[in-house]
Amino acid sequence: MSDPLAVIAELPGVSEAVTDVRKAVDRLYGHRVLRRKSPEVSARSALRGARASAALEGVDVPLATIPEVTDPVVQGALRVSAELGRLGPTWRTAPRQVLARLHTLAAAGLTEDLGRPRTGVEAPDLLGLGDAPGPEETVARVDGLVELVTGSAGGSSKAPALVLAAIVHAELAVLRPFGSADGVVARAAERLTLVEFGLDPKSLAAVEVGHLELGTAYAESLKAYLSGTPDGVATWVRHCASAITLGVREATAICEAMQRG
């Protein structure tokens, strides 16, 4: 059986990126604060991730005020981050169900079609990616994505978690399968994949913060992925590696602040 993820893992610069990310995560997991306070670090990381994901959707608010912000995009991102820990096992076996749940959480207050795939061709284009694929193509590609996740969970691919997470994120971001809050769903699915497939099992790295800090490279790398070329796909995977590394830096800063008291 062919392993498309393994092919991606061999693209230029990807194996080096995987190694660098693994080293960064390992250094983070060795921090002494995590011996007793990893749940608190994870909670703080989740809050920062929710704030960054909302900012990438166009609603940028200060971290200190985020719990009181009533904007539906911000509230949706917060609900998603709070729920991720309960969705992990289901993600490995029934990813379609998890995606519907993520959208229901993310898009409440934005649409009445919660958790249901879009039937029309229109979808917001916040990143300048161009028109989203039609509903039939979108359904087919989501089916393929579901097979990648469940197949990887079953051992059909030996590709690193970084590669699977990057493809999950990219496909959801470019397909925009729900037509609302798709970016929040895509970034949550990426983080969930990193947790459930072993790279960051305690959900410490604020990868959403990394995507935000990389600025225009986020959209540019997704456009490279859309090209479908090996170089374009590799560019996107390397971008995700950079985002995770920055997310690890954010988590390390959280640990350092907690250590100082």
C-alpha atoms as a PDB file:
ATOM      1  CA  MET A   1       0.000   0.000   0.000  1.00  0.00           C
ATOM      2  CA  SER A   2       1.325   3.463  -0.886  1.00  0.00           C
ATOM      3  CA  ASP A   3       2.061   5.893   1.930  1.00  0.00           C
ATOM      4  CA  PRO A   4       1.600   9.472   0.697  1.00  0.00           C
ATOM      5  CA  LEU A   5       2.652  10.900   4.045  1.00  0.00           C
ATOM      6  CA  ALA A   6       5.957   9.038   3.883  1.00  0.00           C
ATOM      7  CA  VAL A   7       6.560  10.581   0.465  1.00  0.00           C
ATOM      8  CA  ILE A   8       5.974  14.055   1.935  1.00  0.00           C
ATOM      9  CA  ALA A   9       8.287  13.243   4.832  1.00  0.00           C
ATOM     10  CA  GLU A  10      11.098  12.735   2.318  1.00  0.00           C
ATOM     11  CA  LEU A  11      10.668  16.092   0.586  1.00  0.00           C
ATOM     12  CA  PRO A  12      13.553  18.590   0.771  1.00  0.00           C
ATOM     13  CA  GLY A  13      14.103  20.021   4.225  1.00  0.00           C
ATOM     14  CA  VAL A  14      11.254  18.103   5.854  1.00  0.00           C
ATOM     15  CA  SER A  15      13.293  15.452   7.674  1.00  0.00           C
ATOM     16  CA  GLU A  16      15.584  18.157   9.053  1.00  0.00           C
ATOM     17  CA  ALA A  17      12.569  20.152  10.202  1.00  0.00           C
ATOM     18  CA  VAL A  18      11.110  17.073  11.900  1.00  0.00           C
ATOM     19  CA  THR A  19      14.381  16.481  13.748  1.00  0.00           C
ATOM     20  CA  ASP A  20      14.656  20.109  14.877  1.00  0.00           C
ATOM     21  CA  VAL A  21      11.073  20.156  16.139  1.00  0.00           C
ATOM     22  CA  ARG A  22      11.546  16.883  18.017  1.00  0.00           C
ATOM     23  CA  LYS A  23      14.611  18.318  19.759  1.00  0.00           C
ATOM     24  CA  ALA A  24      12.753  21.506  20.692  1.00  0.00           C
ATOM     25  CA  VAL A  25       9.825  19.563  22.139  1.00  0.00           C
ATOM     26  CA  ASP A  26      12.146  17.254  24.067  1.00  0.00           C
ATOM     27  CA  ARG A  27      13.904  20.257  25.617  1.00  0.00           C
ATOM     28  CA  LEU A  28      10.552  21.713  26.646  1.00  0.00           C
ATOM     29  CA  TYR A  29       9.422  18.436  28.220  1.00  0.00           C
ATOM     30  CA  GLY A  30      12.571  18.419  30.334  1.00  0.00           C
ATOM     31  CA  HIS A  31      11.652  21.676  32.072  1.00  0.00           C
ATOM     32  CA  ARG A  32      11.452  21.212  35.829  1.00  0.00           C
ATOM     33  CA  VAL A  33       8.172  23.134  36.119  1.00  0.00           C
ATOM     34  CA  LEU A  34       6.423  20.380  34.175  1.00  0.00           C
ATOM     35  CA  ARG A  35       7.118  17.806  36.874  1.00  0.00           C
ATOM     36  CA  ARG A  36       4.181  19.134  38.868  1.00  0.00           C
ATOM     37  CA  LYS A  37       2.456  21.796  36.826  1.00  0.00           C
ATOM     38  CA  SER A  38       2.106  20.518  33.276  1.00  0.00           C
ATOM     39  CA  PRO A  39      -1.733  20.808  33.360  1.00  0.00           C
ATOM     40  CA  GLU A  40      -1.449  24.491  34.259  1.00  0.00           C
ATOM     41  CA  VAL A  41       1.098  25.093  31.503  1.00  0.00           C
ATOM     42  CA  SER A  42      -1.209  23.324  29.051  1.00  0.00           C
ATOM     43  CA  ALA A  43      -4.150  25.484  30.154  1.00  0.00           C
ATOM     44  CA  ARG A  44      -2.165  28.688  29.707  1.00  0.00           C
ATOM     45  CA  SER A  45      -0.922  27.500  26.332  1.00  0.00           C
ATOM     46  CA  ALA A  46      -4.498  26.733  25.270  1.00  0.00           C
ATOM     47  CA  LEU A  47      -5.606  30.242  26.195  1.00  0.00           C
ATOM     48  CA  ARG A  48      -2.794  31.800  24.199  1.00  0.00           C
ATOM     49  CA  GLY A  49      -3.562  29.471  21.324  1.00  0.00           C
ATOM     50  CA  ALA A  50      -7.222  30.468  21.310  1.00  0.00           C
ATOM     51  CA  ARG A  51      -6.321  34.142  21.303  1.00  0.00           C
ATOM     52  CA  ALA A  52      -3.895  33.631  18.392  1.00  0.00           C
ATOM     53  CA  SER A  53      -6.381  31.541  16.399  1.00  0.00           C
ATOM     54  CA  ALA A  54      -9.022  34.265  16.761  1.00  0.00           C
ATOM     55  CA  ALA A  55      -6.456  36.856  15.672  1.00  0.00           C
ATOM     56  CA  LEU A  56      -5.765  34.828  12.531  1.00  0.00           C
ATOM     57  CA  GLU A  57      -9.522  35.009  11.875  1.00  0.00           C
ATOM     58  CA  GLY A  58      -9.314  38.801  12.060  1.00  0.00           C
ATOM     59  CA  VAL A  59     -10.303  39.390  15.698  1.00  0.00           C
ATOM     60  CA  ASP A  60      -7.179  40.369  17.619  1.00  0.00           C
ATOM     61  CA  VAL A  61      -7.726  41.147  21.294  1.00  0.00           C
ATOM     62  CA  PRO A  62      -5.321  41.450  24.250  1.00  0.00           C
ATOM     63  CA  LEU A  63      -4.700  38.210  26.099  1.00  0.00           C
ATOM     64  CA  ALA A  64      -5.685  39.723  29.442  1.00  0.00           C
ATOM     65  CA  THR A  65      -9.151  40.612  28.181  1.00  0.00           C
ATOM     66  CA  ILE A  66      -9.959  37.488  26.191  1.00  0.00           C
ATOM     67  CA  PRO A  67     -12.210  35.739  28.751  1.00  0.00           C
ATOM     68  CA  GLU A  68     -14.514  38.781  28.826  1.00  0.00           C
ATOM     69  CA  VAL A  69     -14.626  39.400  25.071  1.00  0.00           C
ATOM     70  CA  THR A  70     -18.084  38.639  23.658  1.00  0.00           C
ATOM     71  CA  ASP A  71     -17.116  38.494  19.993  1.00  0.00           C
ATOM     72  CA  PRO A  72     -18.350  35.137  18.611  1.00  0.00           C
ATOM     73  CA  VAL A  73     -15.047  34.367  16.884  1.00  0.00           C
ATOM     74  CA  VAL A  74     -13.124  34.763  20.140  1.00  0.00           C
ATOM     75  CA  GLN A  75     -15.694  32.831  22.128  1.00  0.00           C
ATOM     76  CA  GLY A  76     -15.665  30.080  19.521  1.00  0.00           C
ATOM     77  CA  ALA A  77     -11.887  29.770  19.696  1.00  0.00           C
ATOM     78  CA  LEU A  78     -12.087  29.578  23.490  1.00  0.00           C
ATOM     79  CA  ARG A  79     -14.734  26.862  23.387  1.00  0.00           C
ATOM     80  CA  VAL A  80     -12.653  24.850  20.948  1.00  0.00           C
ATOM     81  CA  SER A  81      -9.505  25.081  23.066  1.00  0.00           C
ATOM     82  CA  ALA A  82     -11.424  24.024  26.170  1.00  0.00           C
ATOM     83  CA  GLU A  83     -12.855  20.943  24.440  1.00  0.00           C
ATOM     84  CA  LEU A  84      -9.750  19.586  22.717  1.00  0.00           C
ATOM     85  CA  GLY A  85      -8.634  17.464  25.642  1.00  0.00           C
ATOM     86  CA  ARG A  86     -11.856  15.449  25.499  1.00  0.00           C
ATOM     87  CA  LEU A  87     -11.758  14.844  21.755  1.00  0.00           C
ATOM     88  CA  GLY A  88      -8.402  13.114  21.412  1.00  0.00           C
ATOM     89  CA  PRO A  89      -9.335   9.415  21.347  1.00  0.00           C
ATOM     90  CA  THR A  90     -12.270  10.088  19.027  1.00  0.00           C
ATOM     91  CA  TRP A  91     -10.004  11.972  16.626  1.00  0.00           C
ATOM     92  CA  ARG A  92      -8.057   8.792  15.960  1.00  0.00           C
ATOM     93  CA  THR A  93     -11.127   6.681  15.182  1.00  0.00           C
ATOM     94  CA  ALA A  94     -13.858   9.082  14.028  1.00  0.00           C
ATOM     95  CA  PRO A  95     -12.236  12.315  12.807  1.00  0.00           C
ATOM     96  CA  ARG A  96     -15.315  13.383  10.864  1.00  0.00           C
ATOM     97  CA  GLN A  97     -17.294  13.410  14.100  1.00  0.00           C
ATOM     98  CA  VAL A  98     -14.621  15.512  15.777  1.00  0.00           C
ATOM     99  CA  LEU A  99     -14.540  18.014  12.914  1.00  0.00           C
ATOM    100  CA  ALA A 100     -18.308  18.456  13.176  1.00  0.00           C
ATOM    101  CA  ARG A 101     -17.974  19.015  16.916  1.00  0.00           C
ATOM    102  CA  LEU A 102     -15.144  21.513  16.466  1.00  0.00           C
ATOM    103  CA  HIS A 103     -17.210  23.477  13.986  1.00  0.00           C
ATOM    104  CA  THR A 104     -20.234  23.448  16.276  1.00  0.00           C
ATOM    105  CA  LEU A 105     -18.077  24.955  19.005  1.00  0.00           C
ATOM    106  CA  ALA A 106     -16.197  27.397  16.785  1.00  0.00           C
ATOM    107  CA  ALA A 107     -19.074  28.738  14.712  1.00  0.00           C
ATOM    108  CA  ALA A 108     -21.833  29.204  17.292  1.00  0.00           C
ATOM    109  CA  GLY A 109     -23.124  32.728  16.786  1.00  0.00           C
ATOM    110  CA  LEU A 110     -21.728  32.859  13.254  1.00  0.00           C
ATOM    111  CA  THR A 111     -24.033  30.453  11.418  1.00  0.00           C
ATOM    112  CA  GLU A 112     -27.028  28.231  11.987  1.00  0.00           C
ATOM    113  CA  ASP A 113     -25.474  25.365  10.016  1.00  0.00           C
ATOM    114  CA  LEU A 114     -23.363  24.088  12.876  1.00  0.00           C
ATOM    115  CA  GLY A 115     -21.313  20.972  12.181  1.00  0.00           C
ATOM    116  CA  ARG A 116     -22.700  20.543   8.675  1.00  0.00           C
ATOM    117  CA  PRO A 117     -20.597  20.695   5.505  1.00  0.00           C
ATOM    118  CA  ARG A 118     -21.337  23.612   3.224  1.00  0.00           C
ATOM    119  CA  THR A 119     -23.540  22.877   0.234  1.00  0.00           C
ATOM    120  CA  GLY A 120     -22.718  26.038  -1.699  1.00  0.00           C
ATOM    121  CA  VAL A 121     -19.522  27.185  -3.350  1.00  0.00           C
ATOM    122  CA  GLU A 122     -19.010  30.348  -1.338  1.00  0.00           C
ATOM    123  CA  ALA A 123     -16.672  30.355   1.653  1.00  0.00           C
ATOM    124  CA  PRO A 124     -14.825  33.255   3.298  1.00  0.00           C
ATOM    125  CA  ASP A 125     -11.319  33.799   1.977  1.00  0.00           C
ATOM    126  CA  LEU A 126      -9.553  35.498   4.864  1.00  0.00           C
ATOM    127  CA  LEU A 127      -6.100  34.452   3.652  1.00  0.00           C
ATOM    128  CA  GLY A 128      -6.417  35.318  -0.026  1.00  0.00           C
ATOM    129  CA  LEU A 129      -6.272  31.683  -1.140  1.00  0.00           C
ATOM    130  CA  GLY A 130      -8.823  32.068  -3.902  1.00  0.00           C
ATOM    131  CA  ASP A 131     -12.118  30.292  -4.369  1.00  0.00           C
ATOM    132  CA  ALA A 132     -12.725  27.208  -2.266  1.00  0.00           C
ATOM    133  CA  PRO A 133     -13.303  23.930  -4.109  1.00  0.00           C
ATOM    134  CA  GLY A 134     -16.888  22.982  -4.871  1.00  0.00           C
ATOM    135  CA  PRO A 135     -18.882  20.840  -2.434  1.00  0.00           C
ATOM    136  CA  GLU A 136     -18.305  17.562  -4.290  1.00  0.00           C
ATOM    137  CA  GLU A 137     -14.536  17.951  -4.455  1.00  0.00           C
ATOM    138  CA  THR A 138     -14.491  19.110  -0.847  1.00  0.00           C
ATOM    139  CA  VAL A 139     -16.395  16.038   0.339  1.00  0.00           C
ATOM    140  CA  ALA A 140     -14.043  13.749  -1.585  1.00  0.00           C
ATOM    141  CA  ARG A 141     -10.937  15.394  -0.149  1.00  0.00           C
ATOM    142  CA  VAL A 142     -12.316  15.378   3.389  1.00  0.00           C
ATOM    143  CA  ASP A 143     -12.964  11.659   2.907  1.00  0.00           C
ATOM    144  CA  GLY A 144      -9.321  11.276   1.935  1.00  0.00           C
ATOM    145  CA  LEU A 145      -8.209  13.270   4.969  1.00  0.00           C
ATOM    146  CA  VAL A 146     -10.316  11.083   7.253  1.00  0.00           C
ATOM    147  CA  GLU A 147      -8.629   8.002   5.764  1.00  0.00           C
ATOM    148  CA  LEU A 148      -5.191   9.520   6.390  1.00  0.00           C
ATOM    149  CA  VAL A 149      -5.960  10.137  10.059  1.00  0.00           C
ATOM    150  CA  THR A 150      -7.591   6.788  10.775  1.00  0.00           C
ATOM    151  CA  GLY A 151      -5.010   4.957   8.692  1.00  0.00           C
ATOM    152  CA  SER A 152      -2.158   6.625  10.559  1.00  0.00           C
ATOM    153  CA  ALA A 153      -3.835   5.731  13.846  1.00  0.00           C
ATOM    154  CA  GLY A 154      -3.973   2.142  12.658  1.00  0.00           C
ATOM    155  CA  GLY A 155      -0.307   2.087  11.731  1.00  0.00           C
ATOM    156  CA  SER A 156      -0.599   2.345   7.953  1.00  0.00           C
ATOM    157  CA  SER A 157       1.856   5.251   7.873  1.00  0.00           C
ATOM    158  CA  LYS A 158       5.172   5.682   9.643  1.00  0.00           C
ATOM    159  CA  ALA A 159       5.358   9.385   8.792  1.00  0.00           C
ATOM    160  CA  PRO A 160       6.083  11.750  11.690  1.00  0.00           C
ATOM    161  CA  ALA A 161       3.197  13.430  13.513  1.00  0.00           C
ATOM    162  CA  LEU A 162       4.417  16.798  12.221  1.00  0.00           C
ATOM    163  CA  VAL A 163       3.751  15.739   8.628  1.00  0.00           C
ATOM    164  CA  LEU A 164       0.265  14.418   9.344  1.00  0.00           C
ATOM    165  CA  ALA A 165      -0.617  17.511  11.389  1.00  0.00           C
ATOM    166  CA  ALA A 166       0.580  19.823   8.624  1.00  0.00           C
ATOM    167  CA  ILE A 167      -1.511  18.056   5.981  1.00  0.00           C
ATOM    168  CA  VAL A 168      -4.584  18.026   8.239  1.00  0.00           C
ATOM    169  CA  HIS A 169      -4.232  21.759   8.800  1.00  0.00           C
ATOM    170  CA  ALA A 170      -3.608  22.600   5.158  1.00  0.00           C
ATOM    171  CA  GLU A 171      -6.459  20.533   3.747  1.00  0.00           C
ATOM    172  CA  LEU A 172      -9.011  22.007   6.144  1.00  0.00           C
ATOM    173  CA  ALA A 173      -7.691  25.534   5.612  1.00  0.00           C
ATOM    174  CA  VAL A 174      -7.842  25.389   1.825  1.00  0.00           C
ATOM    175  CA  LEU A 175     -11.038  23.326   1.521  1.00  0.00           C
ATOM    176  CA  ARG A 176     -12.996  25.437   4.033  1.00  0.00           C
ATOM    177  CA  PRO A 177     -15.466  22.530   4.359  1.00  0.00           C
ATOM    178  CA  PHE A 178     -17.963  24.298   6.597  1.00  0.00           C
ATOM    179  CA  GLY A 179     -17.927  27.794   5.138  1.00  0.00           C
ATOM    180  CA  SER A 180     -17.429  29.480   8.517  1.00  0.00           C
ATOM    181  CA  ALA A 181     -14.791  29.306  11.265  1.00  0.00           C
ATOM    182  CA  ASP A 182     -12.785  26.894   9.107  1.00  0.00           C
ATOM    183  CA  GLY A 183      -9.471  28.413  10.149  1.00  0.00           C
ATOM    184  CA  VAL A 184     -10.196  27.848  13.830  1.00  0.00           C
ATOM    185  CA  VAL A 185     -11.178  24.255  13.055  1.00  0.00           C
ATOM    186  CA  ALA A 186      -8.040  23.680  10.957  1.00  0.00           C
ATOM    187  CA  ARG A 187      -5.673  24.959  13.628  1.00  0.00           C
ATOM    188  CA  ALA A 188      -7.447  23.001  16.346  1.00  0.00           C
ATOM    189  CA  ALA A 189      -7.205  19.829  14.260  1.00  0.00           C
ATOM    190  CA  GLU A 190      -3.490  20.419  13.783  1.00  0.00           C
ATOM    191  CA  ARG A 191      -2.940  20.772  17.524  1.00  0.00           C
ATOM    192  CA  LEU A 192      -5.088  17.721  18.217  1.00  0.00           C
ATOM    193  CA  THR A 193      -3.011  15.700  15.763  1.00  0.00           C
ATOM    194  CA  LEU A 194       0.245  16.753  17.410  1.00  0.00           C
ATOM    195  CA  VAL A 195      -1.149  15.599  20.752  1.00  0.00           C
ATOM    196  CA  GLU A 196      -2.739  12.334  19.685  1.00  0.00           C
ATOM    197  CA  PHE A 197       0.073  11.183  17.427  1.00  0.00           C
ATOM    198  CA  GLY A 198       2.733  11.634  20.047  1.00  0.00           C
ATOM    199  CA  LEU A 199       4.736  14.750  19.276  1.00  0.00           C
ATOM    200  CA  ASP A 200       3.204  16.895  22.032  1.00  0.00           C
ATOM    201  CA  PRO A 201       1.056  14.568  24.177  1.00  0.00           C
ATOM    202  CA  LYS A 202       0.542  17.129  26.949  1.00  0.00           C
ATOM    203  CA  SER A 203      -0.559  19.856  24.510  1.00  0.00           C
ATOM    204  CA  LEU A 204       2.037  22.333  25.691  1.00  0.00           C
ATOM    205  CA  ALA A 205       3.196  23.963  22.449  1.00  0.00           C
ATOM    206  CA  ALA A 206       1.075  26.968  21.487  1.00  0.00           C
ATOM    207  CA  VAL A 207       1.368  26.249  17.780  1.00  0.00           C
ATOM    208  CA  GLU A 208      -1.357  28.785  16.919  1.00  0.00           C
ATOM    209  CA  VAL A 209       0.859  31.498  18.405  1.00  0.00           C
ATOM    210  CA  GLY A 210       3.605  30.355  16.085  1.00  0.00           C
ATOM    211  CA  HIS A 211       1.403  30.687  13.011  1.00  0.00           C
ATOM    212  CA  LEU A 212       0.412  34.182  14.106  1.00  0.00           C
ATOM    213  CA  GLU A 213       3.986  35.259  14.807  1.00  0.00           C
ATOM    214  CA  LEU A 214       5.086  34.124  11.356  1.00  0.00           C
ATOM    215  CA  GLY A 215       2.839  36.796   9.863  1.00  0.00           C
ATOM    216  CA  THR A 216       2.318  36.741   6.115  1.00  0.00           C
ATOM    217  CA  ALA A 217       4.258  33.474   5.825  1.00  0.00           C
ATOM    218  CA  TYR A 218       1.138  31.663   7.054  1.00  0.00           C
ATOM    219  CA  ALA A 219      -0.948  32.572   4.006  1.00  0.00           C
ATOM    220  CA  GLU A 220       2.034  32.436   1.640  1.00  0.00           C
ATOM    221  CA  SER A 221       2.921  28.907   2.734  1.00  0.00           C
ATOM    222  CA  LEU A 222      -0.685  27.766   2.307  1.00  0.00           C
ATOM    223  CA  LYS A 223      -0.614  29.202  -1.203  1.00  0.00           C
ATOM    224  CA  ALA A 224       2.565  27.230  -1.838  1.00  0.00           C
ATOM    225  CA  TYR A 225       0.758  24.095  -0.651  1.00  0.00           C
ATOM    226  CA  LEU A 226      -2.100  24.876  -3.023  1.00  0.00           C
ATOM    227  CA  SER A 227       0.329  24.722  -5.940  1.00  0.00           C
ATOM    228  CA  GLY A 228       0.482  20.980  -5.380  1.00  0.00           C
ATOM    229  CA  THR A 229       4.170  20.842  -6.249  1.00  0.00           C
ATOM    230  CA  PRO A 230       6.659  18.973  -4.055  1.00  0.00           C
ATOM    231  CA  ASP A 231       8.419  22.252  -3.254  1.00  0.00           C
ATOM    232  CA  GLY A 232       5.123  23.890  -2.347  1.00  0.00           C
ATOM    233  CA  VAL A 233       4.051  21.095  -0.031  1.00  0.00           C
ATOM    234  CA  ALA A 234       7.497  21.022   1.581  1.00  0.00           C
ATOM    235  CA  THR A 235       7.332  24.773   2.112  1.00  0.00           C
ATOM    236  CA  TRP A 236       4.086  24.359   4.035  1.00  0.00           C
ATOM    237  CA  VAL A 237       5.391  21.502   6.201  1.00  0.00           C
ATOM    238  CA  ARG A 238       8.510  23.483   7.038  1.00  0.00           C
ATOM    239  CA  HIS A 239       6.311  26.452   7.913  1.00  0.00           C
ATOM    240  CA  CYS A 240       4.363  24.267  10.347  1.00  0.00           C
ATOM    241  CA  ALA A 241       7.641  23.113  11.867  1.00  0.00           C
ATOM    242  CA  SER A 242       8.606  26.737  12.433  1.00  0.00           C
ATOM    243  CA  ALA A 243       5.206  27.448  13.989  1.00  0.00           C
ATOM    244  CA  ILE A 244       5.555  24.516  16.373  1.00  0.00           C
ATOM    245  CA  THR A 245       9.056  25.645  17.353  1.00  0.00           C
ATOM    246  CA  LEU A 246       7.707  29.110  18.138  1.00  0.00           C
ATOM    247  CA  GLY A 247       4.856  27.472  20.038  1.00  0.00           C
ATOM    248  CA  VAL A 248       7.425  25.571  22.088  1.00  0.00           C
ATOM    249  CA  ARG A 249       9.184  28.851  22.801  1.00  0.00           C
ATOM    250  CA  GLU A 250       5.890  30.296  24.046  1.00  0.00           C
ATOM    251  CA  ALA A 251       5.347  27.293  26.322  1.00  0.00           C
ATOM    252  CA  THR A 252       8.904  27.597  27.623  1.00  0.00           C
ATOM    253  CA  ALA A 253       8.239  31.237  28.458  1.00  0.00           C
ATOM    254  CA  ILE A 254       5.137  30.140  30.387  1.00  0.00           C
ATOM    255  CA  CYS A 255       7.253  27.650  32.337  1.00  0.00           C
ATOM    256  CA  GLU A 256       9.893  30.284  33.094  1.00  0.00           C
ATOM    257  CA  ALA A 257       7.290  32.760  34.320  1.00  0.00           C
ATOM    258  CA  MET A 258       5.749  30.131  36.592  1.00  0.00           C
ATOM    259  CA  GLN A 259       9.167  29.185  37.929  1.00  0.00           C
ATOM    260  CA  ARG A 260       9.849  32.809  38.845  1.00  0.00           C
ATOM    261  CA  GLY A 261       6.491  32.915  40.614  1.00  0.00           C
END
